[in-house]
Amino acid sequence: MLVELAVHDLGVISHANLVLGAGMTALTGETGAGKTLVVQAVQLLMGGRADPAMVRAGAVEAVVEGRFVQADGSERVLRRVIPAAGRSRSYVDGGMASAAELAELGSGLVDLHGQHQHQSLLRSRTQREALDRWGGIDVRPLAAARAELRALTENLAALGGDARARAQEIDLLRYQADEIASAQLDDPDELSWIVEREDLLADAATHLADGHAARQALSGDEGAIDRLGAAVALLASRKAFALVSGRLGAVAAELDDTVEQLRGVLETIEDDPQALADVRARHQLLRELTRKYGDTLADVRAFGAQAAERLSQLERHTELAAELEAGIEAAQRHVEAEAHVVAAARRAAAPGLAAAVSEHLTSLALAGGTLEVSVTGDAPSDSVELLFSANRGAPPGPLSKVASGGELARVMLALRLVLTAGPPTLVFDEVDAGIGGETALAVGRALGSLAGQHQVLVVTHLPQVAAFAHHQVAVRKTDDGNAVASNLVAVTGPDRVSELARMLAGQPAWASGRQHATELLEVAAATRGGARE
């Protein structure tokens, strides 16, 4: 549900913030006040075409923002910025988005009815889904069958149908798999420690020379150990130096251990040119493998496994292809069977939907109008089209070609009355075009009824329609001598009576107009079982 709409510098609207509730909200106002700008703002939030000409004269940019509350209570905030010069920008929940992403999200939140380019009813998919909802047709088995067929077809294509290309791929995969397998990458951490091994071997002679020199300085004749032993012997019998003597003894023991450790390290160092050459060759091989097949040795091993698996598939191409082709034939038969089931169900449901909608058209000033639901084509389960005739005896044609904006809006209204599903918010513009009197009351009554299942926002110039709204917002235009501006004002109580009286008689203060307005509100309240403003 759209709970808040903020509009800045769009057309004649300078700044407006509209808080919306559940039920039906009527937008009213004099011609040129900017009622349709509110619908235009919603269209922009749904990814509609943005034009710099929409920006209010003298403004840098127009901004439209809508806050929606979904069925689970979560909120979504859609925002559209239209610069006076440059491309528009779109945002979803504060993050940047494309207009296409805005349209995809918005289509599940709002349905617009009025201008052809924004009519979801004109889309084949919408018409098909409407028939399915009416007939309670479960298309999930057909969708699953098609998904299975698509997956099998993609798998067959992935095998490679061209013999020459397949042979080339086999040669490449065999080379890659053999190269990785022959490297015997048993230790995924080998690349890290082999660098240390290479450094050690590369400087082995220097390491050995320095190590032996250090050992000689410590344990050779007149070395550190001998001198430390002499010092300990001199102080051992002197009580005054007992503490120092003890510490020197500990140092001597530690030094012996250190010399032994140094000897062990020296024994591990090889001054072996061949070993160095082997390690360098191994290091180069590992670097080459990671350059070609992955950032780490683990990635290289994974690549090798995938190459081996793909190689096995290609070498078994004939066998696998035969299996997949058999599976595809079976899947095609399954799709055809499910398609016939769906097509039969749609053909059976089509007359009922057409009759139900046509019945409502009579009360919506389309007494001669009829709707037909056509289910045809080579793939009947997919070929659903709504055909409309506005006049009795005239051949029906596609909605997009034969219905005016007002007729289309009323057809959608009639369709919505017989269906329960759809986006939570419905916006109607031009729904009351060319009607009045009892027909206007019928349209208002129908919109009020629809508001029991959806949030309904309707732009209307008819008081008979506006009276059935739970809420009414007046779009008022002001002129300070410098610029014209419009604002949105929620009208309730006496103010709403005045607005309806203005719509009825042109003068909000006339007693006759106010009396008629009050009567309209009472009729509407009685029809829906109570008022809500």
Protein backbone atom coordinates (compact mmCIF):
# COMPACT_ATOMS: atom_id res chain seq x y z
CA MET A 1 0.00 0.00 0.00
CA LEU A 2 1.21 3.50 -0.85
CA VAL A 3 1.24 5.33 2.48
CA GLU A 4 3.10 8.51 1.55
CA LEU A 5 3.84 10.38 -1.65
CA ALA A 6 6.18 13.37 -1.74
CA VAL A 7 6.40 15.55 -4.85
CA HIS A 8 8.79 18.46 -5.37
CA ASP A 9 9.00 20.79 -8.38
CA LEU A 10 6.97 18.60 -10.72
CA GLY A 11 4.91 20.67 -13.13
CA VAL A 12 2.86 23.21 -11.19
CA ILE A 13 3.43 21.35 -7.90
CA SER A 14 6.16 23.09 -5.91
CA HIS A 15 6.10 21.02 -2.73
CA ALA A 16 3.44 18.50 -1.75
CA ASN A 17 3.34 15.65 0.73
CA LEU A 18 0.38 13.31 0.53
CA VAL A 19 -0.32 10.82 3.33
CA LEU A 20 -2.62 8.04 2.11
CA GLY A 21 -4.69 5.50 3.97
CA ALA A 22 -6.50 2.29 3.11
CA GLY A 23 -9.66 2.26 1.07
CA MET A 24 -10.48 4.71 -1.70
CA THR A 25 -8.97 8.19 -2.04
CA ALA A 26 -10.41 10.67 -4.55
CA LEU A 27 -8.23 13.40 -6.05
CA THR A 28 -10.37 16.35 -7.12
CA GLY A 29 -9.77 19.89 -8.27
CA GLU A 30 -10.41 22.33 -11.06
CA THR A 31 -9.15 21.61 -14.55
CA GLY A 32 -5.47 22.52 -14.80
CA ALA A 33 -4.91 22.38 -11.05
CA GLY A 34 -2.56 19.43 -11.42
CA LYS A 35 -4.61 16.35 -10.48
CA THR A 36 -3.00 14.22 -13.16
CA LEU A 37 0.44 15.27 -11.93
CA VAL A 38 -0.16 13.01 -8.93
CA VAL A 39 -0.76 10.10 -11.31
CA GLN A 40 2.29 11.18 -13.27
CA ALA A 41 4.33 11.10 -10.06
CA VAL A 42 3.23 7.51 -9.43
CA GLN A 43 4.09 6.63 -13.03
CA LEU A 44 7.60 7.96 -12.48
CA LEU A 45 7.96 5.77 -9.39
CA MET A 46 7.05 2.81 -11.58
CA GLY A 47 9.88 3.52 -14.00
CA GLY A 48 7.79 5.57 -16.42
CA ARG A 49 9.44 7.80 -19.00
CA ALA A 50 10.99 10.93 -17.49
CA ASP A 51 11.09 14.18 -19.44
CA PRO A 52 13.01 17.31 -18.38
CA ALA A 53 9.91 19.27 -19.45
CA MET A 54 8.21 17.85 -16.34
CA VAL A 55 10.44 19.95 -14.09
CA ARG A 56 8.82 23.06 -12.63
CA ALA A 57 9.94 26.26 -14.37
CA GLY A 58 13.02 27.67 -12.67
CA ALA A 59 13.74 24.52 -10.64
CA VAL A 60 16.94 22.50 -10.92
CA GLU A 61 15.23 19.12 -10.69
CA ALA A 62 11.96 17.40 -9.85
CA VAL A 63 11.88 14.77 -7.12
CA VAL A 64 9.20 12.15 -6.50
CA GLU A 65 9.34 9.78 -3.54
CA GLY A 66 6.89 7.09 -2.46
CA ARG A 67 6.81 5.00 0.71
CA PHE A 68 5.06 1.64 0.46
CA VAL A 69 4.09 -0.82 3.19
CA GLN A 70 3.95 -4.42 1.99
CA ALA A 71 1.69 -7.20 3.22
CA ASP A 72 4.34 -8.48 5.64
CA GLY A 73 4.71 -5.03 7.20
CA SER A 74 8.06 -4.24 5.58
CA GLU A 75 8.61 -0.88 3.90
CA ARG A 76 9.99 0.00 0.48
CA VAL A 77 10.94 3.53 -0.54
CA LEU A 78 11.09 4.37 -4.25
CA ARG A 79 12.59 7.65 -5.44
CA ARG A 80 12.96 9.30 -8.83
CA VAL A 81 14.95 12.43 -9.60
CA ILE A 82 14.40 14.24 -12.93
CA PRO A 83 16.98 16.97 -13.62
CA ALA A 84 16.05 19.93 -15.81
CA ALA A 85 19.11 18.92 -17.84
CA GLY A 86 20.47 15.38 -17.94
CA ARG A 87 19.30 11.84 -17.30
CA SER A 88 16.92 10.87 -14.55
CA ARG A 89 18.10 8.89 -11.52
CA SER A 90 16.28 6.11 -9.69
CA TYR A 91 16.66 4.83 -6.14
CA VAL A 92 15.23 1.91 -4.17
CA ASP A 93 15.49 2.04 -0.37
CA GLY A 94 18.21 4.67 -0.67
CA GLY A 95 20.35 2.66 -3.09
CA MET A 96 20.85 3.47 -6.75
CA ALA A 97 18.73 1.51 -9.23
CA SER A 98 17.84 1.55 -12.90
CA ALA A 99 14.46 2.66 -14.22
CA ALA A 100 13.90 -0.96 -15.31
CA GLU A 101 14.48 -2.18 -11.75
CA LEU A 102 12.09 0.49 -10.49
CA ALA A 103 9.49 -0.67 -13.01
CA GLU A 104 9.86 -4.32 -12.02
CA LEU A 105 9.43 -3.56 -8.33
CA GLY A 106 6.69 -1.00 -8.90
CA SER A 107 4.60 -3.35 -11.03
CA GLY A 108 4.06 -5.53 -7.98
CA LEU A 109 3.04 -2.56 -5.84
CA VAL A 110 0.84 -0.40 -8.08
CA ASP A 111 -1.34 -0.86 -11.14
CA LEU A 112 -2.16 2.23 -13.19
CA HIS A 113 -5.30 2.53 -15.28
CA GLY A 114 -5.84 5.43 -17.61
CA GLN A 115 -3.15 6.03 -20.22
CA HIS A 116 -2.35 3.28 -22.71
CA GLN A 117 1.39 3.24 -22.18
CA HIS A 118 0.90 2.44 -18.50
CA GLN A 119 -1.86 -0.14 -18.83
CA SER A 120 -0.84 -3.53 -17.51
CA LEU A 121 -4.08 -4.88 -18.96
CA LEU A 122 -2.65 -4.41 -22.45
CA ARG A 123 0.12 -6.90 -21.76
CA SER A 124 -0.50 -10.43 -22.97
CA ARG A 125 0.89 -11.85 -19.76
CA THR A 126 -1.58 -9.82 -17.64
CA GLN A 127 -4.51 -11.00 -19.75
CA ARG A 128 -3.37 -14.61 -19.48
CA GLU A 129 -2.94 -14.35 -15.71
CA ALA A 130 -6.38 -12.74 -15.35
CA LEU A 131 -8.01 -15.71 -17.08
CA ASP A 132 -6.01 -18.15 -14.97
CA ARG A 133 -7.08 -16.44 -11.74
CA TRP A 134 -10.71 -16.41 -12.82
CA GLY A 135 -10.69 -20.07 -13.79
CA GLY A 136 -8.53 -21.21 -10.88
CA ILE A 137 -6.16 -22.72 -13.44
CA ASP A 138 -2.97 -24.17 -12.00
CA VAL A 139 -0.18 -23.54 -14.50
CA ARG A 140 2.60 -24.74 -12.21
CA PRO A 141 2.79 -28.25 -13.73
CA LEU A 142 3.15 -26.70 -17.20
CA ALA A 143 5.84 -24.30 -15.95
CA ALA A 144 7.73 -27.17 -14.32
CA ALA A 145 7.52 -29.26 -17.50
CA ARG A 146 8.85 -26.37 -19.56
CA ALA A 147 11.68 -25.78 -17.10
CA GLU A 148 12.66 -29.44 -17.35
CA LEU A 149 12.63 -29.30 -21.16
CA ARG A 150 14.68 -26.10 -21.14
CA ALA A 151 17.28 -27.63 -18.81
CA LEU A 152 17.64 -30.76 -20.95
CA THR A 153 17.96 -28.70 -24.12
CA GLU A 154 20.65 -26.52 -22.54
CA ASN A 155 22.53 -29.62 -21.37
CA LEU A 156 22.47 -31.06 -24.88
CA ALA A 157 23.72 -27.79 -26.35
CA ALA A 158 26.49 -27.71 -23.75
CA LEU A 159 27.74 -31.11 -24.91
CA GLY A 160 28.79 -29.60 -28.20
CA GLY A 161 27.04 -30.51 -31.41
CA ASP A 162 29.84 -29.66 -33.85
CA ALA A 163 32.24 -32.62 -34.25
CA ARG A 164 35.24 -30.47 -35.16
CA ALA A 165 34.67 -28.07 -32.27
CA ARG A 166 34.16 -31.04 -29.97
CA ALA A 167 37.47 -32.61 -31.08
CA GLN A 168 39.29 -29.34 -30.51
CA GLU A 169 37.79 -29.00 -27.04
CA ILE A 170 38.72 -32.61 -26.21
CA ASP A 171 42.35 -31.94 -27.18
CA LEU A 172 42.49 -28.81 -25.06
CA LEU A 173 40.81 -30.41 -22.05
CA ARG A 174 43.05 -33.48 -22.24
CA TYR A 175 46.14 -31.26 -22.28
CA GLN A 176 44.87 -29.20 -19.34
CA ALA A 177 43.81 -32.20 -17.28
CA ASP A 178 47.10 -34.04 -17.95
CA GLU A 179 49.21 -30.97 -17.16
CA ILE A 180 47.50 -30.49 -13.81
CA ALA A 181 47.45 -34.20 -12.93
CA SER A 182 51.14 -34.67 -13.76
CA ALA A 183 52.04 -31.82 -11.41
CA GLN A 184 50.84 -33.97 -8.47
CA LEU A 185 49.42 -31.09 -6.45
CA ASP A 186 48.98 -33.04 -3.24
CA ASP A 187 49.74 -30.12 -0.91
CA PRO A 188 47.64 -26.98 -1.54
CA ASP A 189 50.16 -24.97 0.57
CA GLU A 190 53.22 -26.06 -1.42
CA LEU A 191 53.58 -22.72 -3.17
CA SER A 192 54.15 -20.91 0.12
CA TRP A 193 56.84 -23.19 1.56
CA ILE A 194 58.66 -23.84 -1.70
CA VAL A 195 59.60 -20.15 -1.80
CA GLU A 196 61.32 -20.54 1.56
CA ARG A 197 63.06 -23.71 0.35
CA GLU A 198 64.30 -21.94 -2.77
CA ASP A 199 65.67 -19.01 -0.77
CA LEU A 200 67.52 -21.39 1.55
CA LEU A 201 69.15 -23.35 -1.27
CA ALA A 202 70.00 -20.25 -3.27
CA ASP A 203 72.17 -18.90 -0.43
CA ALA A 204 73.30 -22.27 1.00
CA ALA A 205 77.08 -21.61 0.75
CA THR A 206 76.83 -18.36 2.67
CA HIS A 207 74.48 -19.90 5.21
CA LEU A 208 76.91 -22.78 5.82
CA ALA A 209 79.99 -20.53 6.05
CA ASP A 210 78.40 -18.15 8.51
CA GLY A 211 76.86 -20.99 10.51
CA HIS A 212 80.13 -22.88 10.88
CA ALA A 213 81.95 -19.66 11.81
CA ALA A 214 79.37 -18.96 14.49
CA ARG A 215 79.68 -22.51 15.82
CA GLN A 216 83.46 -22.20 15.95
CA ALA A 217 83.20 -18.91 17.83
CA LEU A 218 80.98 -20.55 20.39
CA SER A 219 82.41 -24.05 20.84
CA GLY A 220 85.94 -23.94 19.35
CA ASP A 221 89.20 -23.66 21.27
CA GLU A 222 89.19 -20.46 23.28
CA GLY A 223 85.57 -20.01 22.17
CA ALA A 224 82.70 -18.55 24.17
CA ILE A 225 81.94 -21.84 25.92
CA ASP A 226 85.54 -22.31 27.07
CA ARG A 227 85.82 -18.73 28.32
CA LEU A 228 82.48 -18.96 30.10
CA GLY A 229 83.62 -22.23 31.74
CA ALA A 230 86.78 -20.55 32.98
CA ALA A 231 84.77 -17.72 34.48
CA VAL A 232 82.48 -20.16 36.27
CA ALA A 233 85.50 -22.05 37.66
CA LEU A 234 87.02 -18.86 39.06
CA LEU A 235 83.87 -17.86 40.90
CA ALA A 236 82.54 -21.26 41.94
CA SER A 237 84.39 -21.36 45.28
CA ARG A 238 83.69 -17.75 46.18
CA LYS A 239 80.56 -17.38 48.33
CA ALA A 240 80.40 -13.68 47.51
CA PHE A 241 79.83 -14.62 43.86
CA ALA A 242 77.49 -17.56 44.47
CA LEU A 243 74.50 -15.90 42.86
CA VAL A 244 76.51 -14.71 39.87
CA SER A 245 78.19 -18.09 39.54
CA GLY A 246 74.83 -19.83 39.46
CA ARG A 247 73.55 -17.55 36.73
CA LEU A 248 76.72 -18.07 34.68
CA GLY A 249 76.25 -21.81 35.00
CA ALA A 250 72.72 -21.50 33.61
CA VAL A 251 74.02 -19.40 30.72
CA ALA A 252 76.66 -22.04 30.00
CA ALA A 253 74.01 -24.77 29.86
CA GLU A 254 71.83 -22.64 27.56
CA LEU A 255 74.81 -21.95 25.33
CA ASP A 256 75.51 -25.68 25.02
CA ASP A 257 71.90 -26.23 23.89
CA THR A 258 72.17 -23.36 21.41
CA VAL A 259 75.34 -24.77 19.87
CA GLU A 260 73.62 -28.15 19.51
CA GLN A 261 70.65 -26.49 17.82
CA LEU A 262 73.01 -24.62 15.49
CA ARG A 263 74.66 -27.91 14.56
CA GLY A 264 71.27 -29.41 13.71
CA VAL A 265 70.36 -26.49 11.45
CA LEU A 266 73.69 -26.75 9.62
CA GLU A 267 73.04 -30.42 8.93
CA THR A 268 69.76 -29.53 7.12
CA ILE A 269 71.37 -27.04 4.75
CA GLU A 270 72.55 -28.49 1.45
CA ASP A 271 74.89 -26.73 -0.88
CA ASP A 272 73.41 -28.70 -3.78
CA PRO A 273 73.12 -26.92 -7.15
CA GLN A 274 70.97 -29.72 -8.56
CA ALA A 275 68.52 -29.53 -5.66
CA LEU A 276 68.31 -25.76 -6.19
CA ALA A 277 67.64 -26.25 -9.90
CA ASP A 278 64.91 -28.80 -9.13
CA VAL A 279 63.21 -26.48 -6.62
CA ARG A 280 63.35 -23.55 -9.00
CA ALA A 281 61.84 -25.65 -11.78
CA ARG A 282 59.07 -26.79 -9.44
CA HIS A 283 58.41 -23.23 -8.33
CA GLN A 284 58.19 -22.07 -11.94
CA LEU A 285 55.76 -24.89 -12.76
CA LEU A 286 53.48 -23.96 -9.87
CA ARG A 287 53.53 -20.29 -10.85
CA GLU A 288 52.67 -21.20 -14.44
CA LEU A 289 49.76 -23.36 -13.31
CA THR A 290 48.31 -20.62 -11.09
CA ARG A 291 48.73 -18.13 -13.93
CA LYS A 292 46.67 -20.30 -16.26
CA TYR A 293 44.16 -22.07 -14.05
CA GLY A 294 43.55 -20.23 -10.78
CA ASP A 295 44.85 -17.90 -8.10
CA THR A 296 45.75 -20.72 -5.71
CA LEU A 297 46.80 -24.35 -6.03
CA ALA A 298 43.40 -25.31 -4.63
CA ASP A 299 41.81 -23.41 -7.54
CA VAL A 300 44.11 -25.21 -9.98
CA ARG A 301 43.12 -28.60 -8.57
CA ALA A 302 39.43 -27.64 -8.86
CA PHE A 303 39.96 -26.57 -12.47
CA GLY A 304 41.64 -29.88 -13.19
CA ALA A 305 38.72 -31.81 -11.72
CA GLN A 306 36.24 -29.83 -13.82
CA ALA A 307 38.33 -30.32 -16.96
CA ALA A 308 38.51 -34.06 -16.34
CA GLU A 309 34.74 -34.24 -15.81
CA ARG A 310 34.02 -32.23 -18.97
CA LEU A 311 36.51 -34.39 -20.90
CA SER A 312 34.71 -37.51 -19.74
CA GLN A 313 31.39 -36.05 -20.92
CA LEU A 314 32.75 -35.18 -24.36
CA GLU A 315 34.41 -38.56 -24.78
CA ARG A 316 31.02 -40.09 -23.94
CA HIS A 317 29.24 -37.58 -26.20
CA THR A 318 27.35 -40.08 -28.32
CA GLU A 319 26.07 -41.97 -25.31
CA LEU A 320 25.13 -38.85 -23.34
CA ALA A 321 23.60 -37.15 -26.37
CA ALA A 322 21.36 -40.14 -26.98
CA GLU A 323 20.25 -40.09 -23.34
CA LEU A 324 19.52 -36.36 -23.45
CA GLU A 325 17.70 -36.57 -26.78
CA ALA A 326 15.48 -39.31 -25.38
CA GLY A 327 14.86 -37.17 -22.31
CA ILE A 328 14.02 -34.16 -24.49
CA GLU A 329 11.50 -36.15 -26.50
CA ALA A 330 9.81 -37.31 -23.31
CA ALA A 331 9.89 -33.77 -21.88
CA GLN A 332 8.34 -32.37 -25.07
CA ARG A 333 5.50 -34.86 -24.81
CA HIS A 334 5.06 -33.87 -21.17
CA VAL A 335 4.94 -30.17 -22.09
CA GLU A 336 2.41 -30.81 -24.85
CA ALA A 337 0.22 -32.82 -22.50
CA GLU A 338 0.30 -30.14 -19.80
CA ALA A 339 -0.25 -27.42 -22.42
CA HIS A 340 -3.38 -29.16 -23.68
CA VAL A 341 -4.68 -29.44 -20.11
CA VAL A 342 -4.12 -25.72 -19.52
CA ALA A 343 -5.52 -24.76 -22.92
CA ALA A 344 -8.67 -26.79 -22.32
CA ALA A 345 -9.12 -25.21 -18.91
CA ARG A 346 -8.63 -21.73 -20.36
CA ARG A 347 -11.09 -22.33 -23.17
CA ALA A 348 -13.62 -23.57 -20.63
CA ALA A 349 -13.09 -20.55 -18.34
CA ALA A 350 -12.99 -17.88 -21.07
CA PRO A 351 -16.78 -17.48 -21.66
CA GLY A 352 -17.45 -17.16 -17.94
CA LEU A 353 -14.87 -14.42 -17.47
CA ALA A 354 -16.12 -12.56 -20.54
CA ALA A 355 -19.72 -12.74 -19.32
CA ALA A 356 -18.86 -11.60 -15.80
CA VAL A 357 -16.89 -8.59 -17.05
CA SER A 358 -19.48 -7.69 -19.69
CA GLU A 359 -22.17 -7.70 -17.01
CA HIS A 360 -20.28 -5.05 -15.05
CA LEU A 361 -19.66 -3.00 -18.20
CA THR A 362 -23.38 -2.34 -18.49
CA SER A 363 -23.43 -0.50 -15.15
CA LEU A 364 -20.27 1.41 -16.05
CA ALA A 365 -21.78 3.34 -19.00
CA LEU A 366 -20.68 0.73 -21.51
CA ALA A 367 -24.09 -0.84 -22.05
CA GLY A 368 -23.26 -1.82 -25.60
CA GLY A 369 -19.78 -2.93 -24.68
CA THR A 370 -18.77 -6.56 -24.70
CA LEU A 371 -15.61 -8.39 -23.81
CA GLU A 372 -14.47 -11.61 -25.39
CA VAL A 373 -11.62 -13.80 -24.20
CA SER A 374 -9.84 -15.43 -27.13
CA VAL A 375 -7.75 -18.56 -26.63
CA THR A 376 -6.14 -19.40 -29.97
CA GLY A 377 -2.91 -20.15 -31.79
CA ASP A 378 -0.52 -23.02 -32.33
CA ALA A 379 0.43 -22.86 -28.67
CA PRO A 380 -3.06 -22.34 -27.24
CA SER A 381 -1.90 -22.45 -23.67
CA ASP A 382 0.00 -19.20 -24.28
CA SER A 383 -2.28 -17.35 -26.73
CA VAL A 384 -4.81 -15.49 -24.58
CA GLU A 385 -6.16 -12.12 -25.71
CA LEU A 386 -8.94 -9.86 -24.47
CA LEU A 387 -11.07 -8.48 -27.32
CA PHE A 388 -13.37 -5.50 -26.77
CA SER A 389 -16.24 -3.89 -28.60
CA ALA A 390 -17.65 -0.61 -27.29
CA ASN A 391 -20.79 -0.78 -29.45
CA ARG A 392 -23.28 -3.55 -29.96
CA GLY A 393 -22.80 -5.21 -33.34
CA ALA A 394 -19.28 -3.89 -33.87
CA PRO A 395 -16.62 -6.57 -34.28
CA PRO A 396 -14.41 -6.91 -31.20
CA GLY A 397 -10.73 -6.06 -31.47
CA PRO A 398 -7.64 -5.97 -29.26
CA LEU A 399 -8.01 -3.62 -26.31
CA SER A 400 -4.96 -1.60 -27.30
CA LYS A 401 -6.47 -0.77 -30.69
CA VAL A 402 -10.18 -0.24 -30.07
CA ALA A 403 -10.56 1.10 -26.50
CA SER A 404 -10.15 4.73 -25.50
CA GLY A 405 -8.38 5.65 -22.27
CA GLY A 406 -11.68 5.98 -20.39
CA GLU A 407 -13.09 2.77 -21.85
CA LEU A 408 -9.92 0.90 -21.05
CA ALA A 409 -9.99 2.13 -17.45
CA ARG A 410 -13.59 0.98 -17.06
CA VAL A 411 -12.84 -2.41 -18.61
CA MET A 412 -10.03 -2.79 -16.09
CA LEU A 413 -12.39 -1.68 -13.32
CA ALA A 414 -14.90 -4.32 -14.40
CA LEU A 415 -12.16 -6.92 -14.57
CA ARG A 416 -10.89 -5.96 -11.14
CA LEU A 417 -14.41 -6.36 -9.75
CA VAL A 418 -14.50 -10.02 -10.78
CA LEU A 419 -10.93 -10.80 -9.70
CA THR A 420 -9.47 -10.64 -6.21
CA ALA A 421 -5.71 -10.78 -6.84
CA GLY A 422 -3.42 -8.10 -8.18
CA PRO A 423 -1.18 -5.29 -6.90
CA PRO A 424 -2.28 -3.82 -3.57
CA THR A 425 -2.65 -0.26 -4.94
CA LEU A 426 -4.78 0.64 -7.97
CA VAL A 427 -4.69 4.09 -9.56
CA PHE A 428 -7.49 5.16 -11.92
CA ASP A 429 -7.36 8.15 -14.25
CA GLU A 430 -10.05 8.93 -16.86
CA VAL A 431 -12.27 6.18 -15.45
CA ASP A 432 -15.22 8.63 -15.43
CA ALA A 433 -14.59 10.15 -18.85
CA GLY A 434 -17.81 10.80 -20.74
CA ILE A 435 -20.24 9.69 -18.03
CA GLY A 436 -22.51 11.33 -15.47
CA GLY A 437 -25.70 10.89 -13.50
CA GLU A 438 -26.62 7.35 -12.52
CA THR A 439 -23.66 5.94 -14.43
CA ALA A 440 -21.29 8.08 -12.39
CA LEU A 441 -22.90 6.76 -9.22
CA ALA A 442 -22.42 3.21 -10.51
CA VAL A 443 -18.74 3.87 -11.23
CA GLY A 444 -18.28 5.42 -7.79
CA ARG A 445 -20.05 2.48 -6.20
CA ALA A 446 -17.84 0.03 -8.13
CA LEU A 447 -14.66 1.83 -7.09
CA GLY A 448 -15.81 1.88 -3.49
CA SER A 449 -16.48 -1.84 -3.67
CA LEU A 450 -13.05 -2.45 -5.16
CA ALA A 451 -11.52 -0.55 -2.25
CA GLY A 452 -12.56 -3.41 0.01
CA GLN A 453 -9.72 -5.51 -1.47
CA HIS A 454 -7.28 -2.84 -2.70
CA GLN A 455 -6.12 0.65 -1.95
CA VAL A 456 -7.74 2.74 -4.69
CA LEU A 457 -6.56 6.17 -5.83
CA VAL A 458 -8.84 7.82 -8.40
CA VAL A 459 -8.55 11.13 -10.22
CA THR A 460 -12.07 12.36 -10.88
CA HIS A 461 -14.03 15.45 -11.83
CA LEU A 462 -17.36 13.87 -10.85
CA PRO A 463 -18.81 14.45 -7.37
CA GLN A 464 -20.81 11.23 -7.70
CA VAL A 465 -17.53 9.29 -7.88
CA ALA A 466 -15.68 11.34 -5.26
CA ALA A 467 -18.48 10.88 -2.72
CA PHE A 468 -17.83 7.14 -2.58
CA ALA A 469 -14.21 7.68 -1.54
CA HIS A 470 -13.19 7.06 2.05
CA HIS A 471 -10.78 10.00 1.76
CA GLN A 472 -10.74 13.05 -0.49
CA VAL A 473 -7.80 15.25 -1.46
CA ALA A 474 -8.37 18.57 -3.19
CA VAL A 475 -5.72 19.81 -5.60
CA ARG A 476 -5.78 23.60 -5.37
CA LYS A 477 -4.02 26.08 -7.61
CA THR A 478 -2.79 29.46 -6.41
CA ASP A 479 -1.29 32.42 -8.27
CA ASP A 480 0.78 34.99 -6.38
CA GLY A 481 1.30 37.10 -9.46
CA ASN A 482 4.73 35.66 -10.10
CA ALA A 483 4.07 31.96 -10.49
CA VAL A 484 1.27 29.42 -10.39
CA ALA A 485 1.55 26.64 -7.82
CA SER A 486 -0.64 23.74 -6.74
CA ASN A 487 -0.86 22.02 -3.40
CA LEU A 488 -2.70 18.99 -2.04
CA VAL A 489 -5.17 19.43 0.80
CA ALA A 490 -7.01 16.58 2.55
CA VAL A 491 -10.62 17.69 2.97
CA THR A 492 -12.92 16.31 5.66
CA GLY A 493 -16.21 17.27 7.26
CA PRO A 494 -17.56 20.67 6.13
CA ASP A 495 -14.53 21.22 3.89
CA ARG A 496 -15.34 18.06 1.98
CA VAL A 497 -18.95 19.16 1.59
CA SER A 498 -17.67 22.46 0.20
CA GLU A 499 -15.40 20.69 -2.28
CA LEU A 500 -18.21 18.44 -3.50
CA ALA A 501 -20.53 21.46 -3.74
CA ARG A 502 -17.94 23.22 -5.89
CA MET A 503 -17.81 20.18 -8.15
CA LEU A 504 -21.61 20.10 -8.36
CA ALA A 505 -22.52 23.77 -8.73
CA GLY A 506 -19.28 25.62 -9.24
CA GLN A 507 -19.76 27.51 -5.97
CA PRO A 508 -18.85 25.83 -2.66
CA ALA A 509 -21.08 28.18 -0.65
CA TRP A 510 -24.37 27.67 -2.49
CA ALA A 511 -26.90 26.05 -0.21
CA SER A 512 -28.36 23.84 -2.94
CA GLY A 513 -24.94 22.53 -3.87
CA ARG A 514 -24.02 21.84 -0.25
CA GLN A 515 -27.31 20.04 0.32
CA HIS A 516 -26.78 17.88 -2.75
CA ALA A 517 -23.19 17.16 -1.64
CA THR A 518 -24.40 16.09 1.80
CA GLU A 519 -26.97 13.79 0.20
CA LEU A 520 -24.30 12.22 -2.01
CA LEU A 521 -22.10 11.52 1.01
CA GLU A 522 -25.04 9.97 2.85
CA VAL A 523 -25.89 7.73 -0.12
CA ALA A 524 -22.27 6.63 -0.42
CA ALA A 525 -21.96 5.98 3.31
CA ALA A 526 -25.15 3.93 3.31
CA THR A 527 -23.92 1.91 0.33
CA ARG A 528 -20.64 0.94 1.96
CA GLY A 529 -22.03 0.71 5.47
CA GLY A 530 -20.35 3.73 7.04
CA ALA A 531 -18.10 6.64 6.30
CA ARG A 532 -14.38 6.83 6.66
CA GLU A 533 -12.46 10.09 6.14
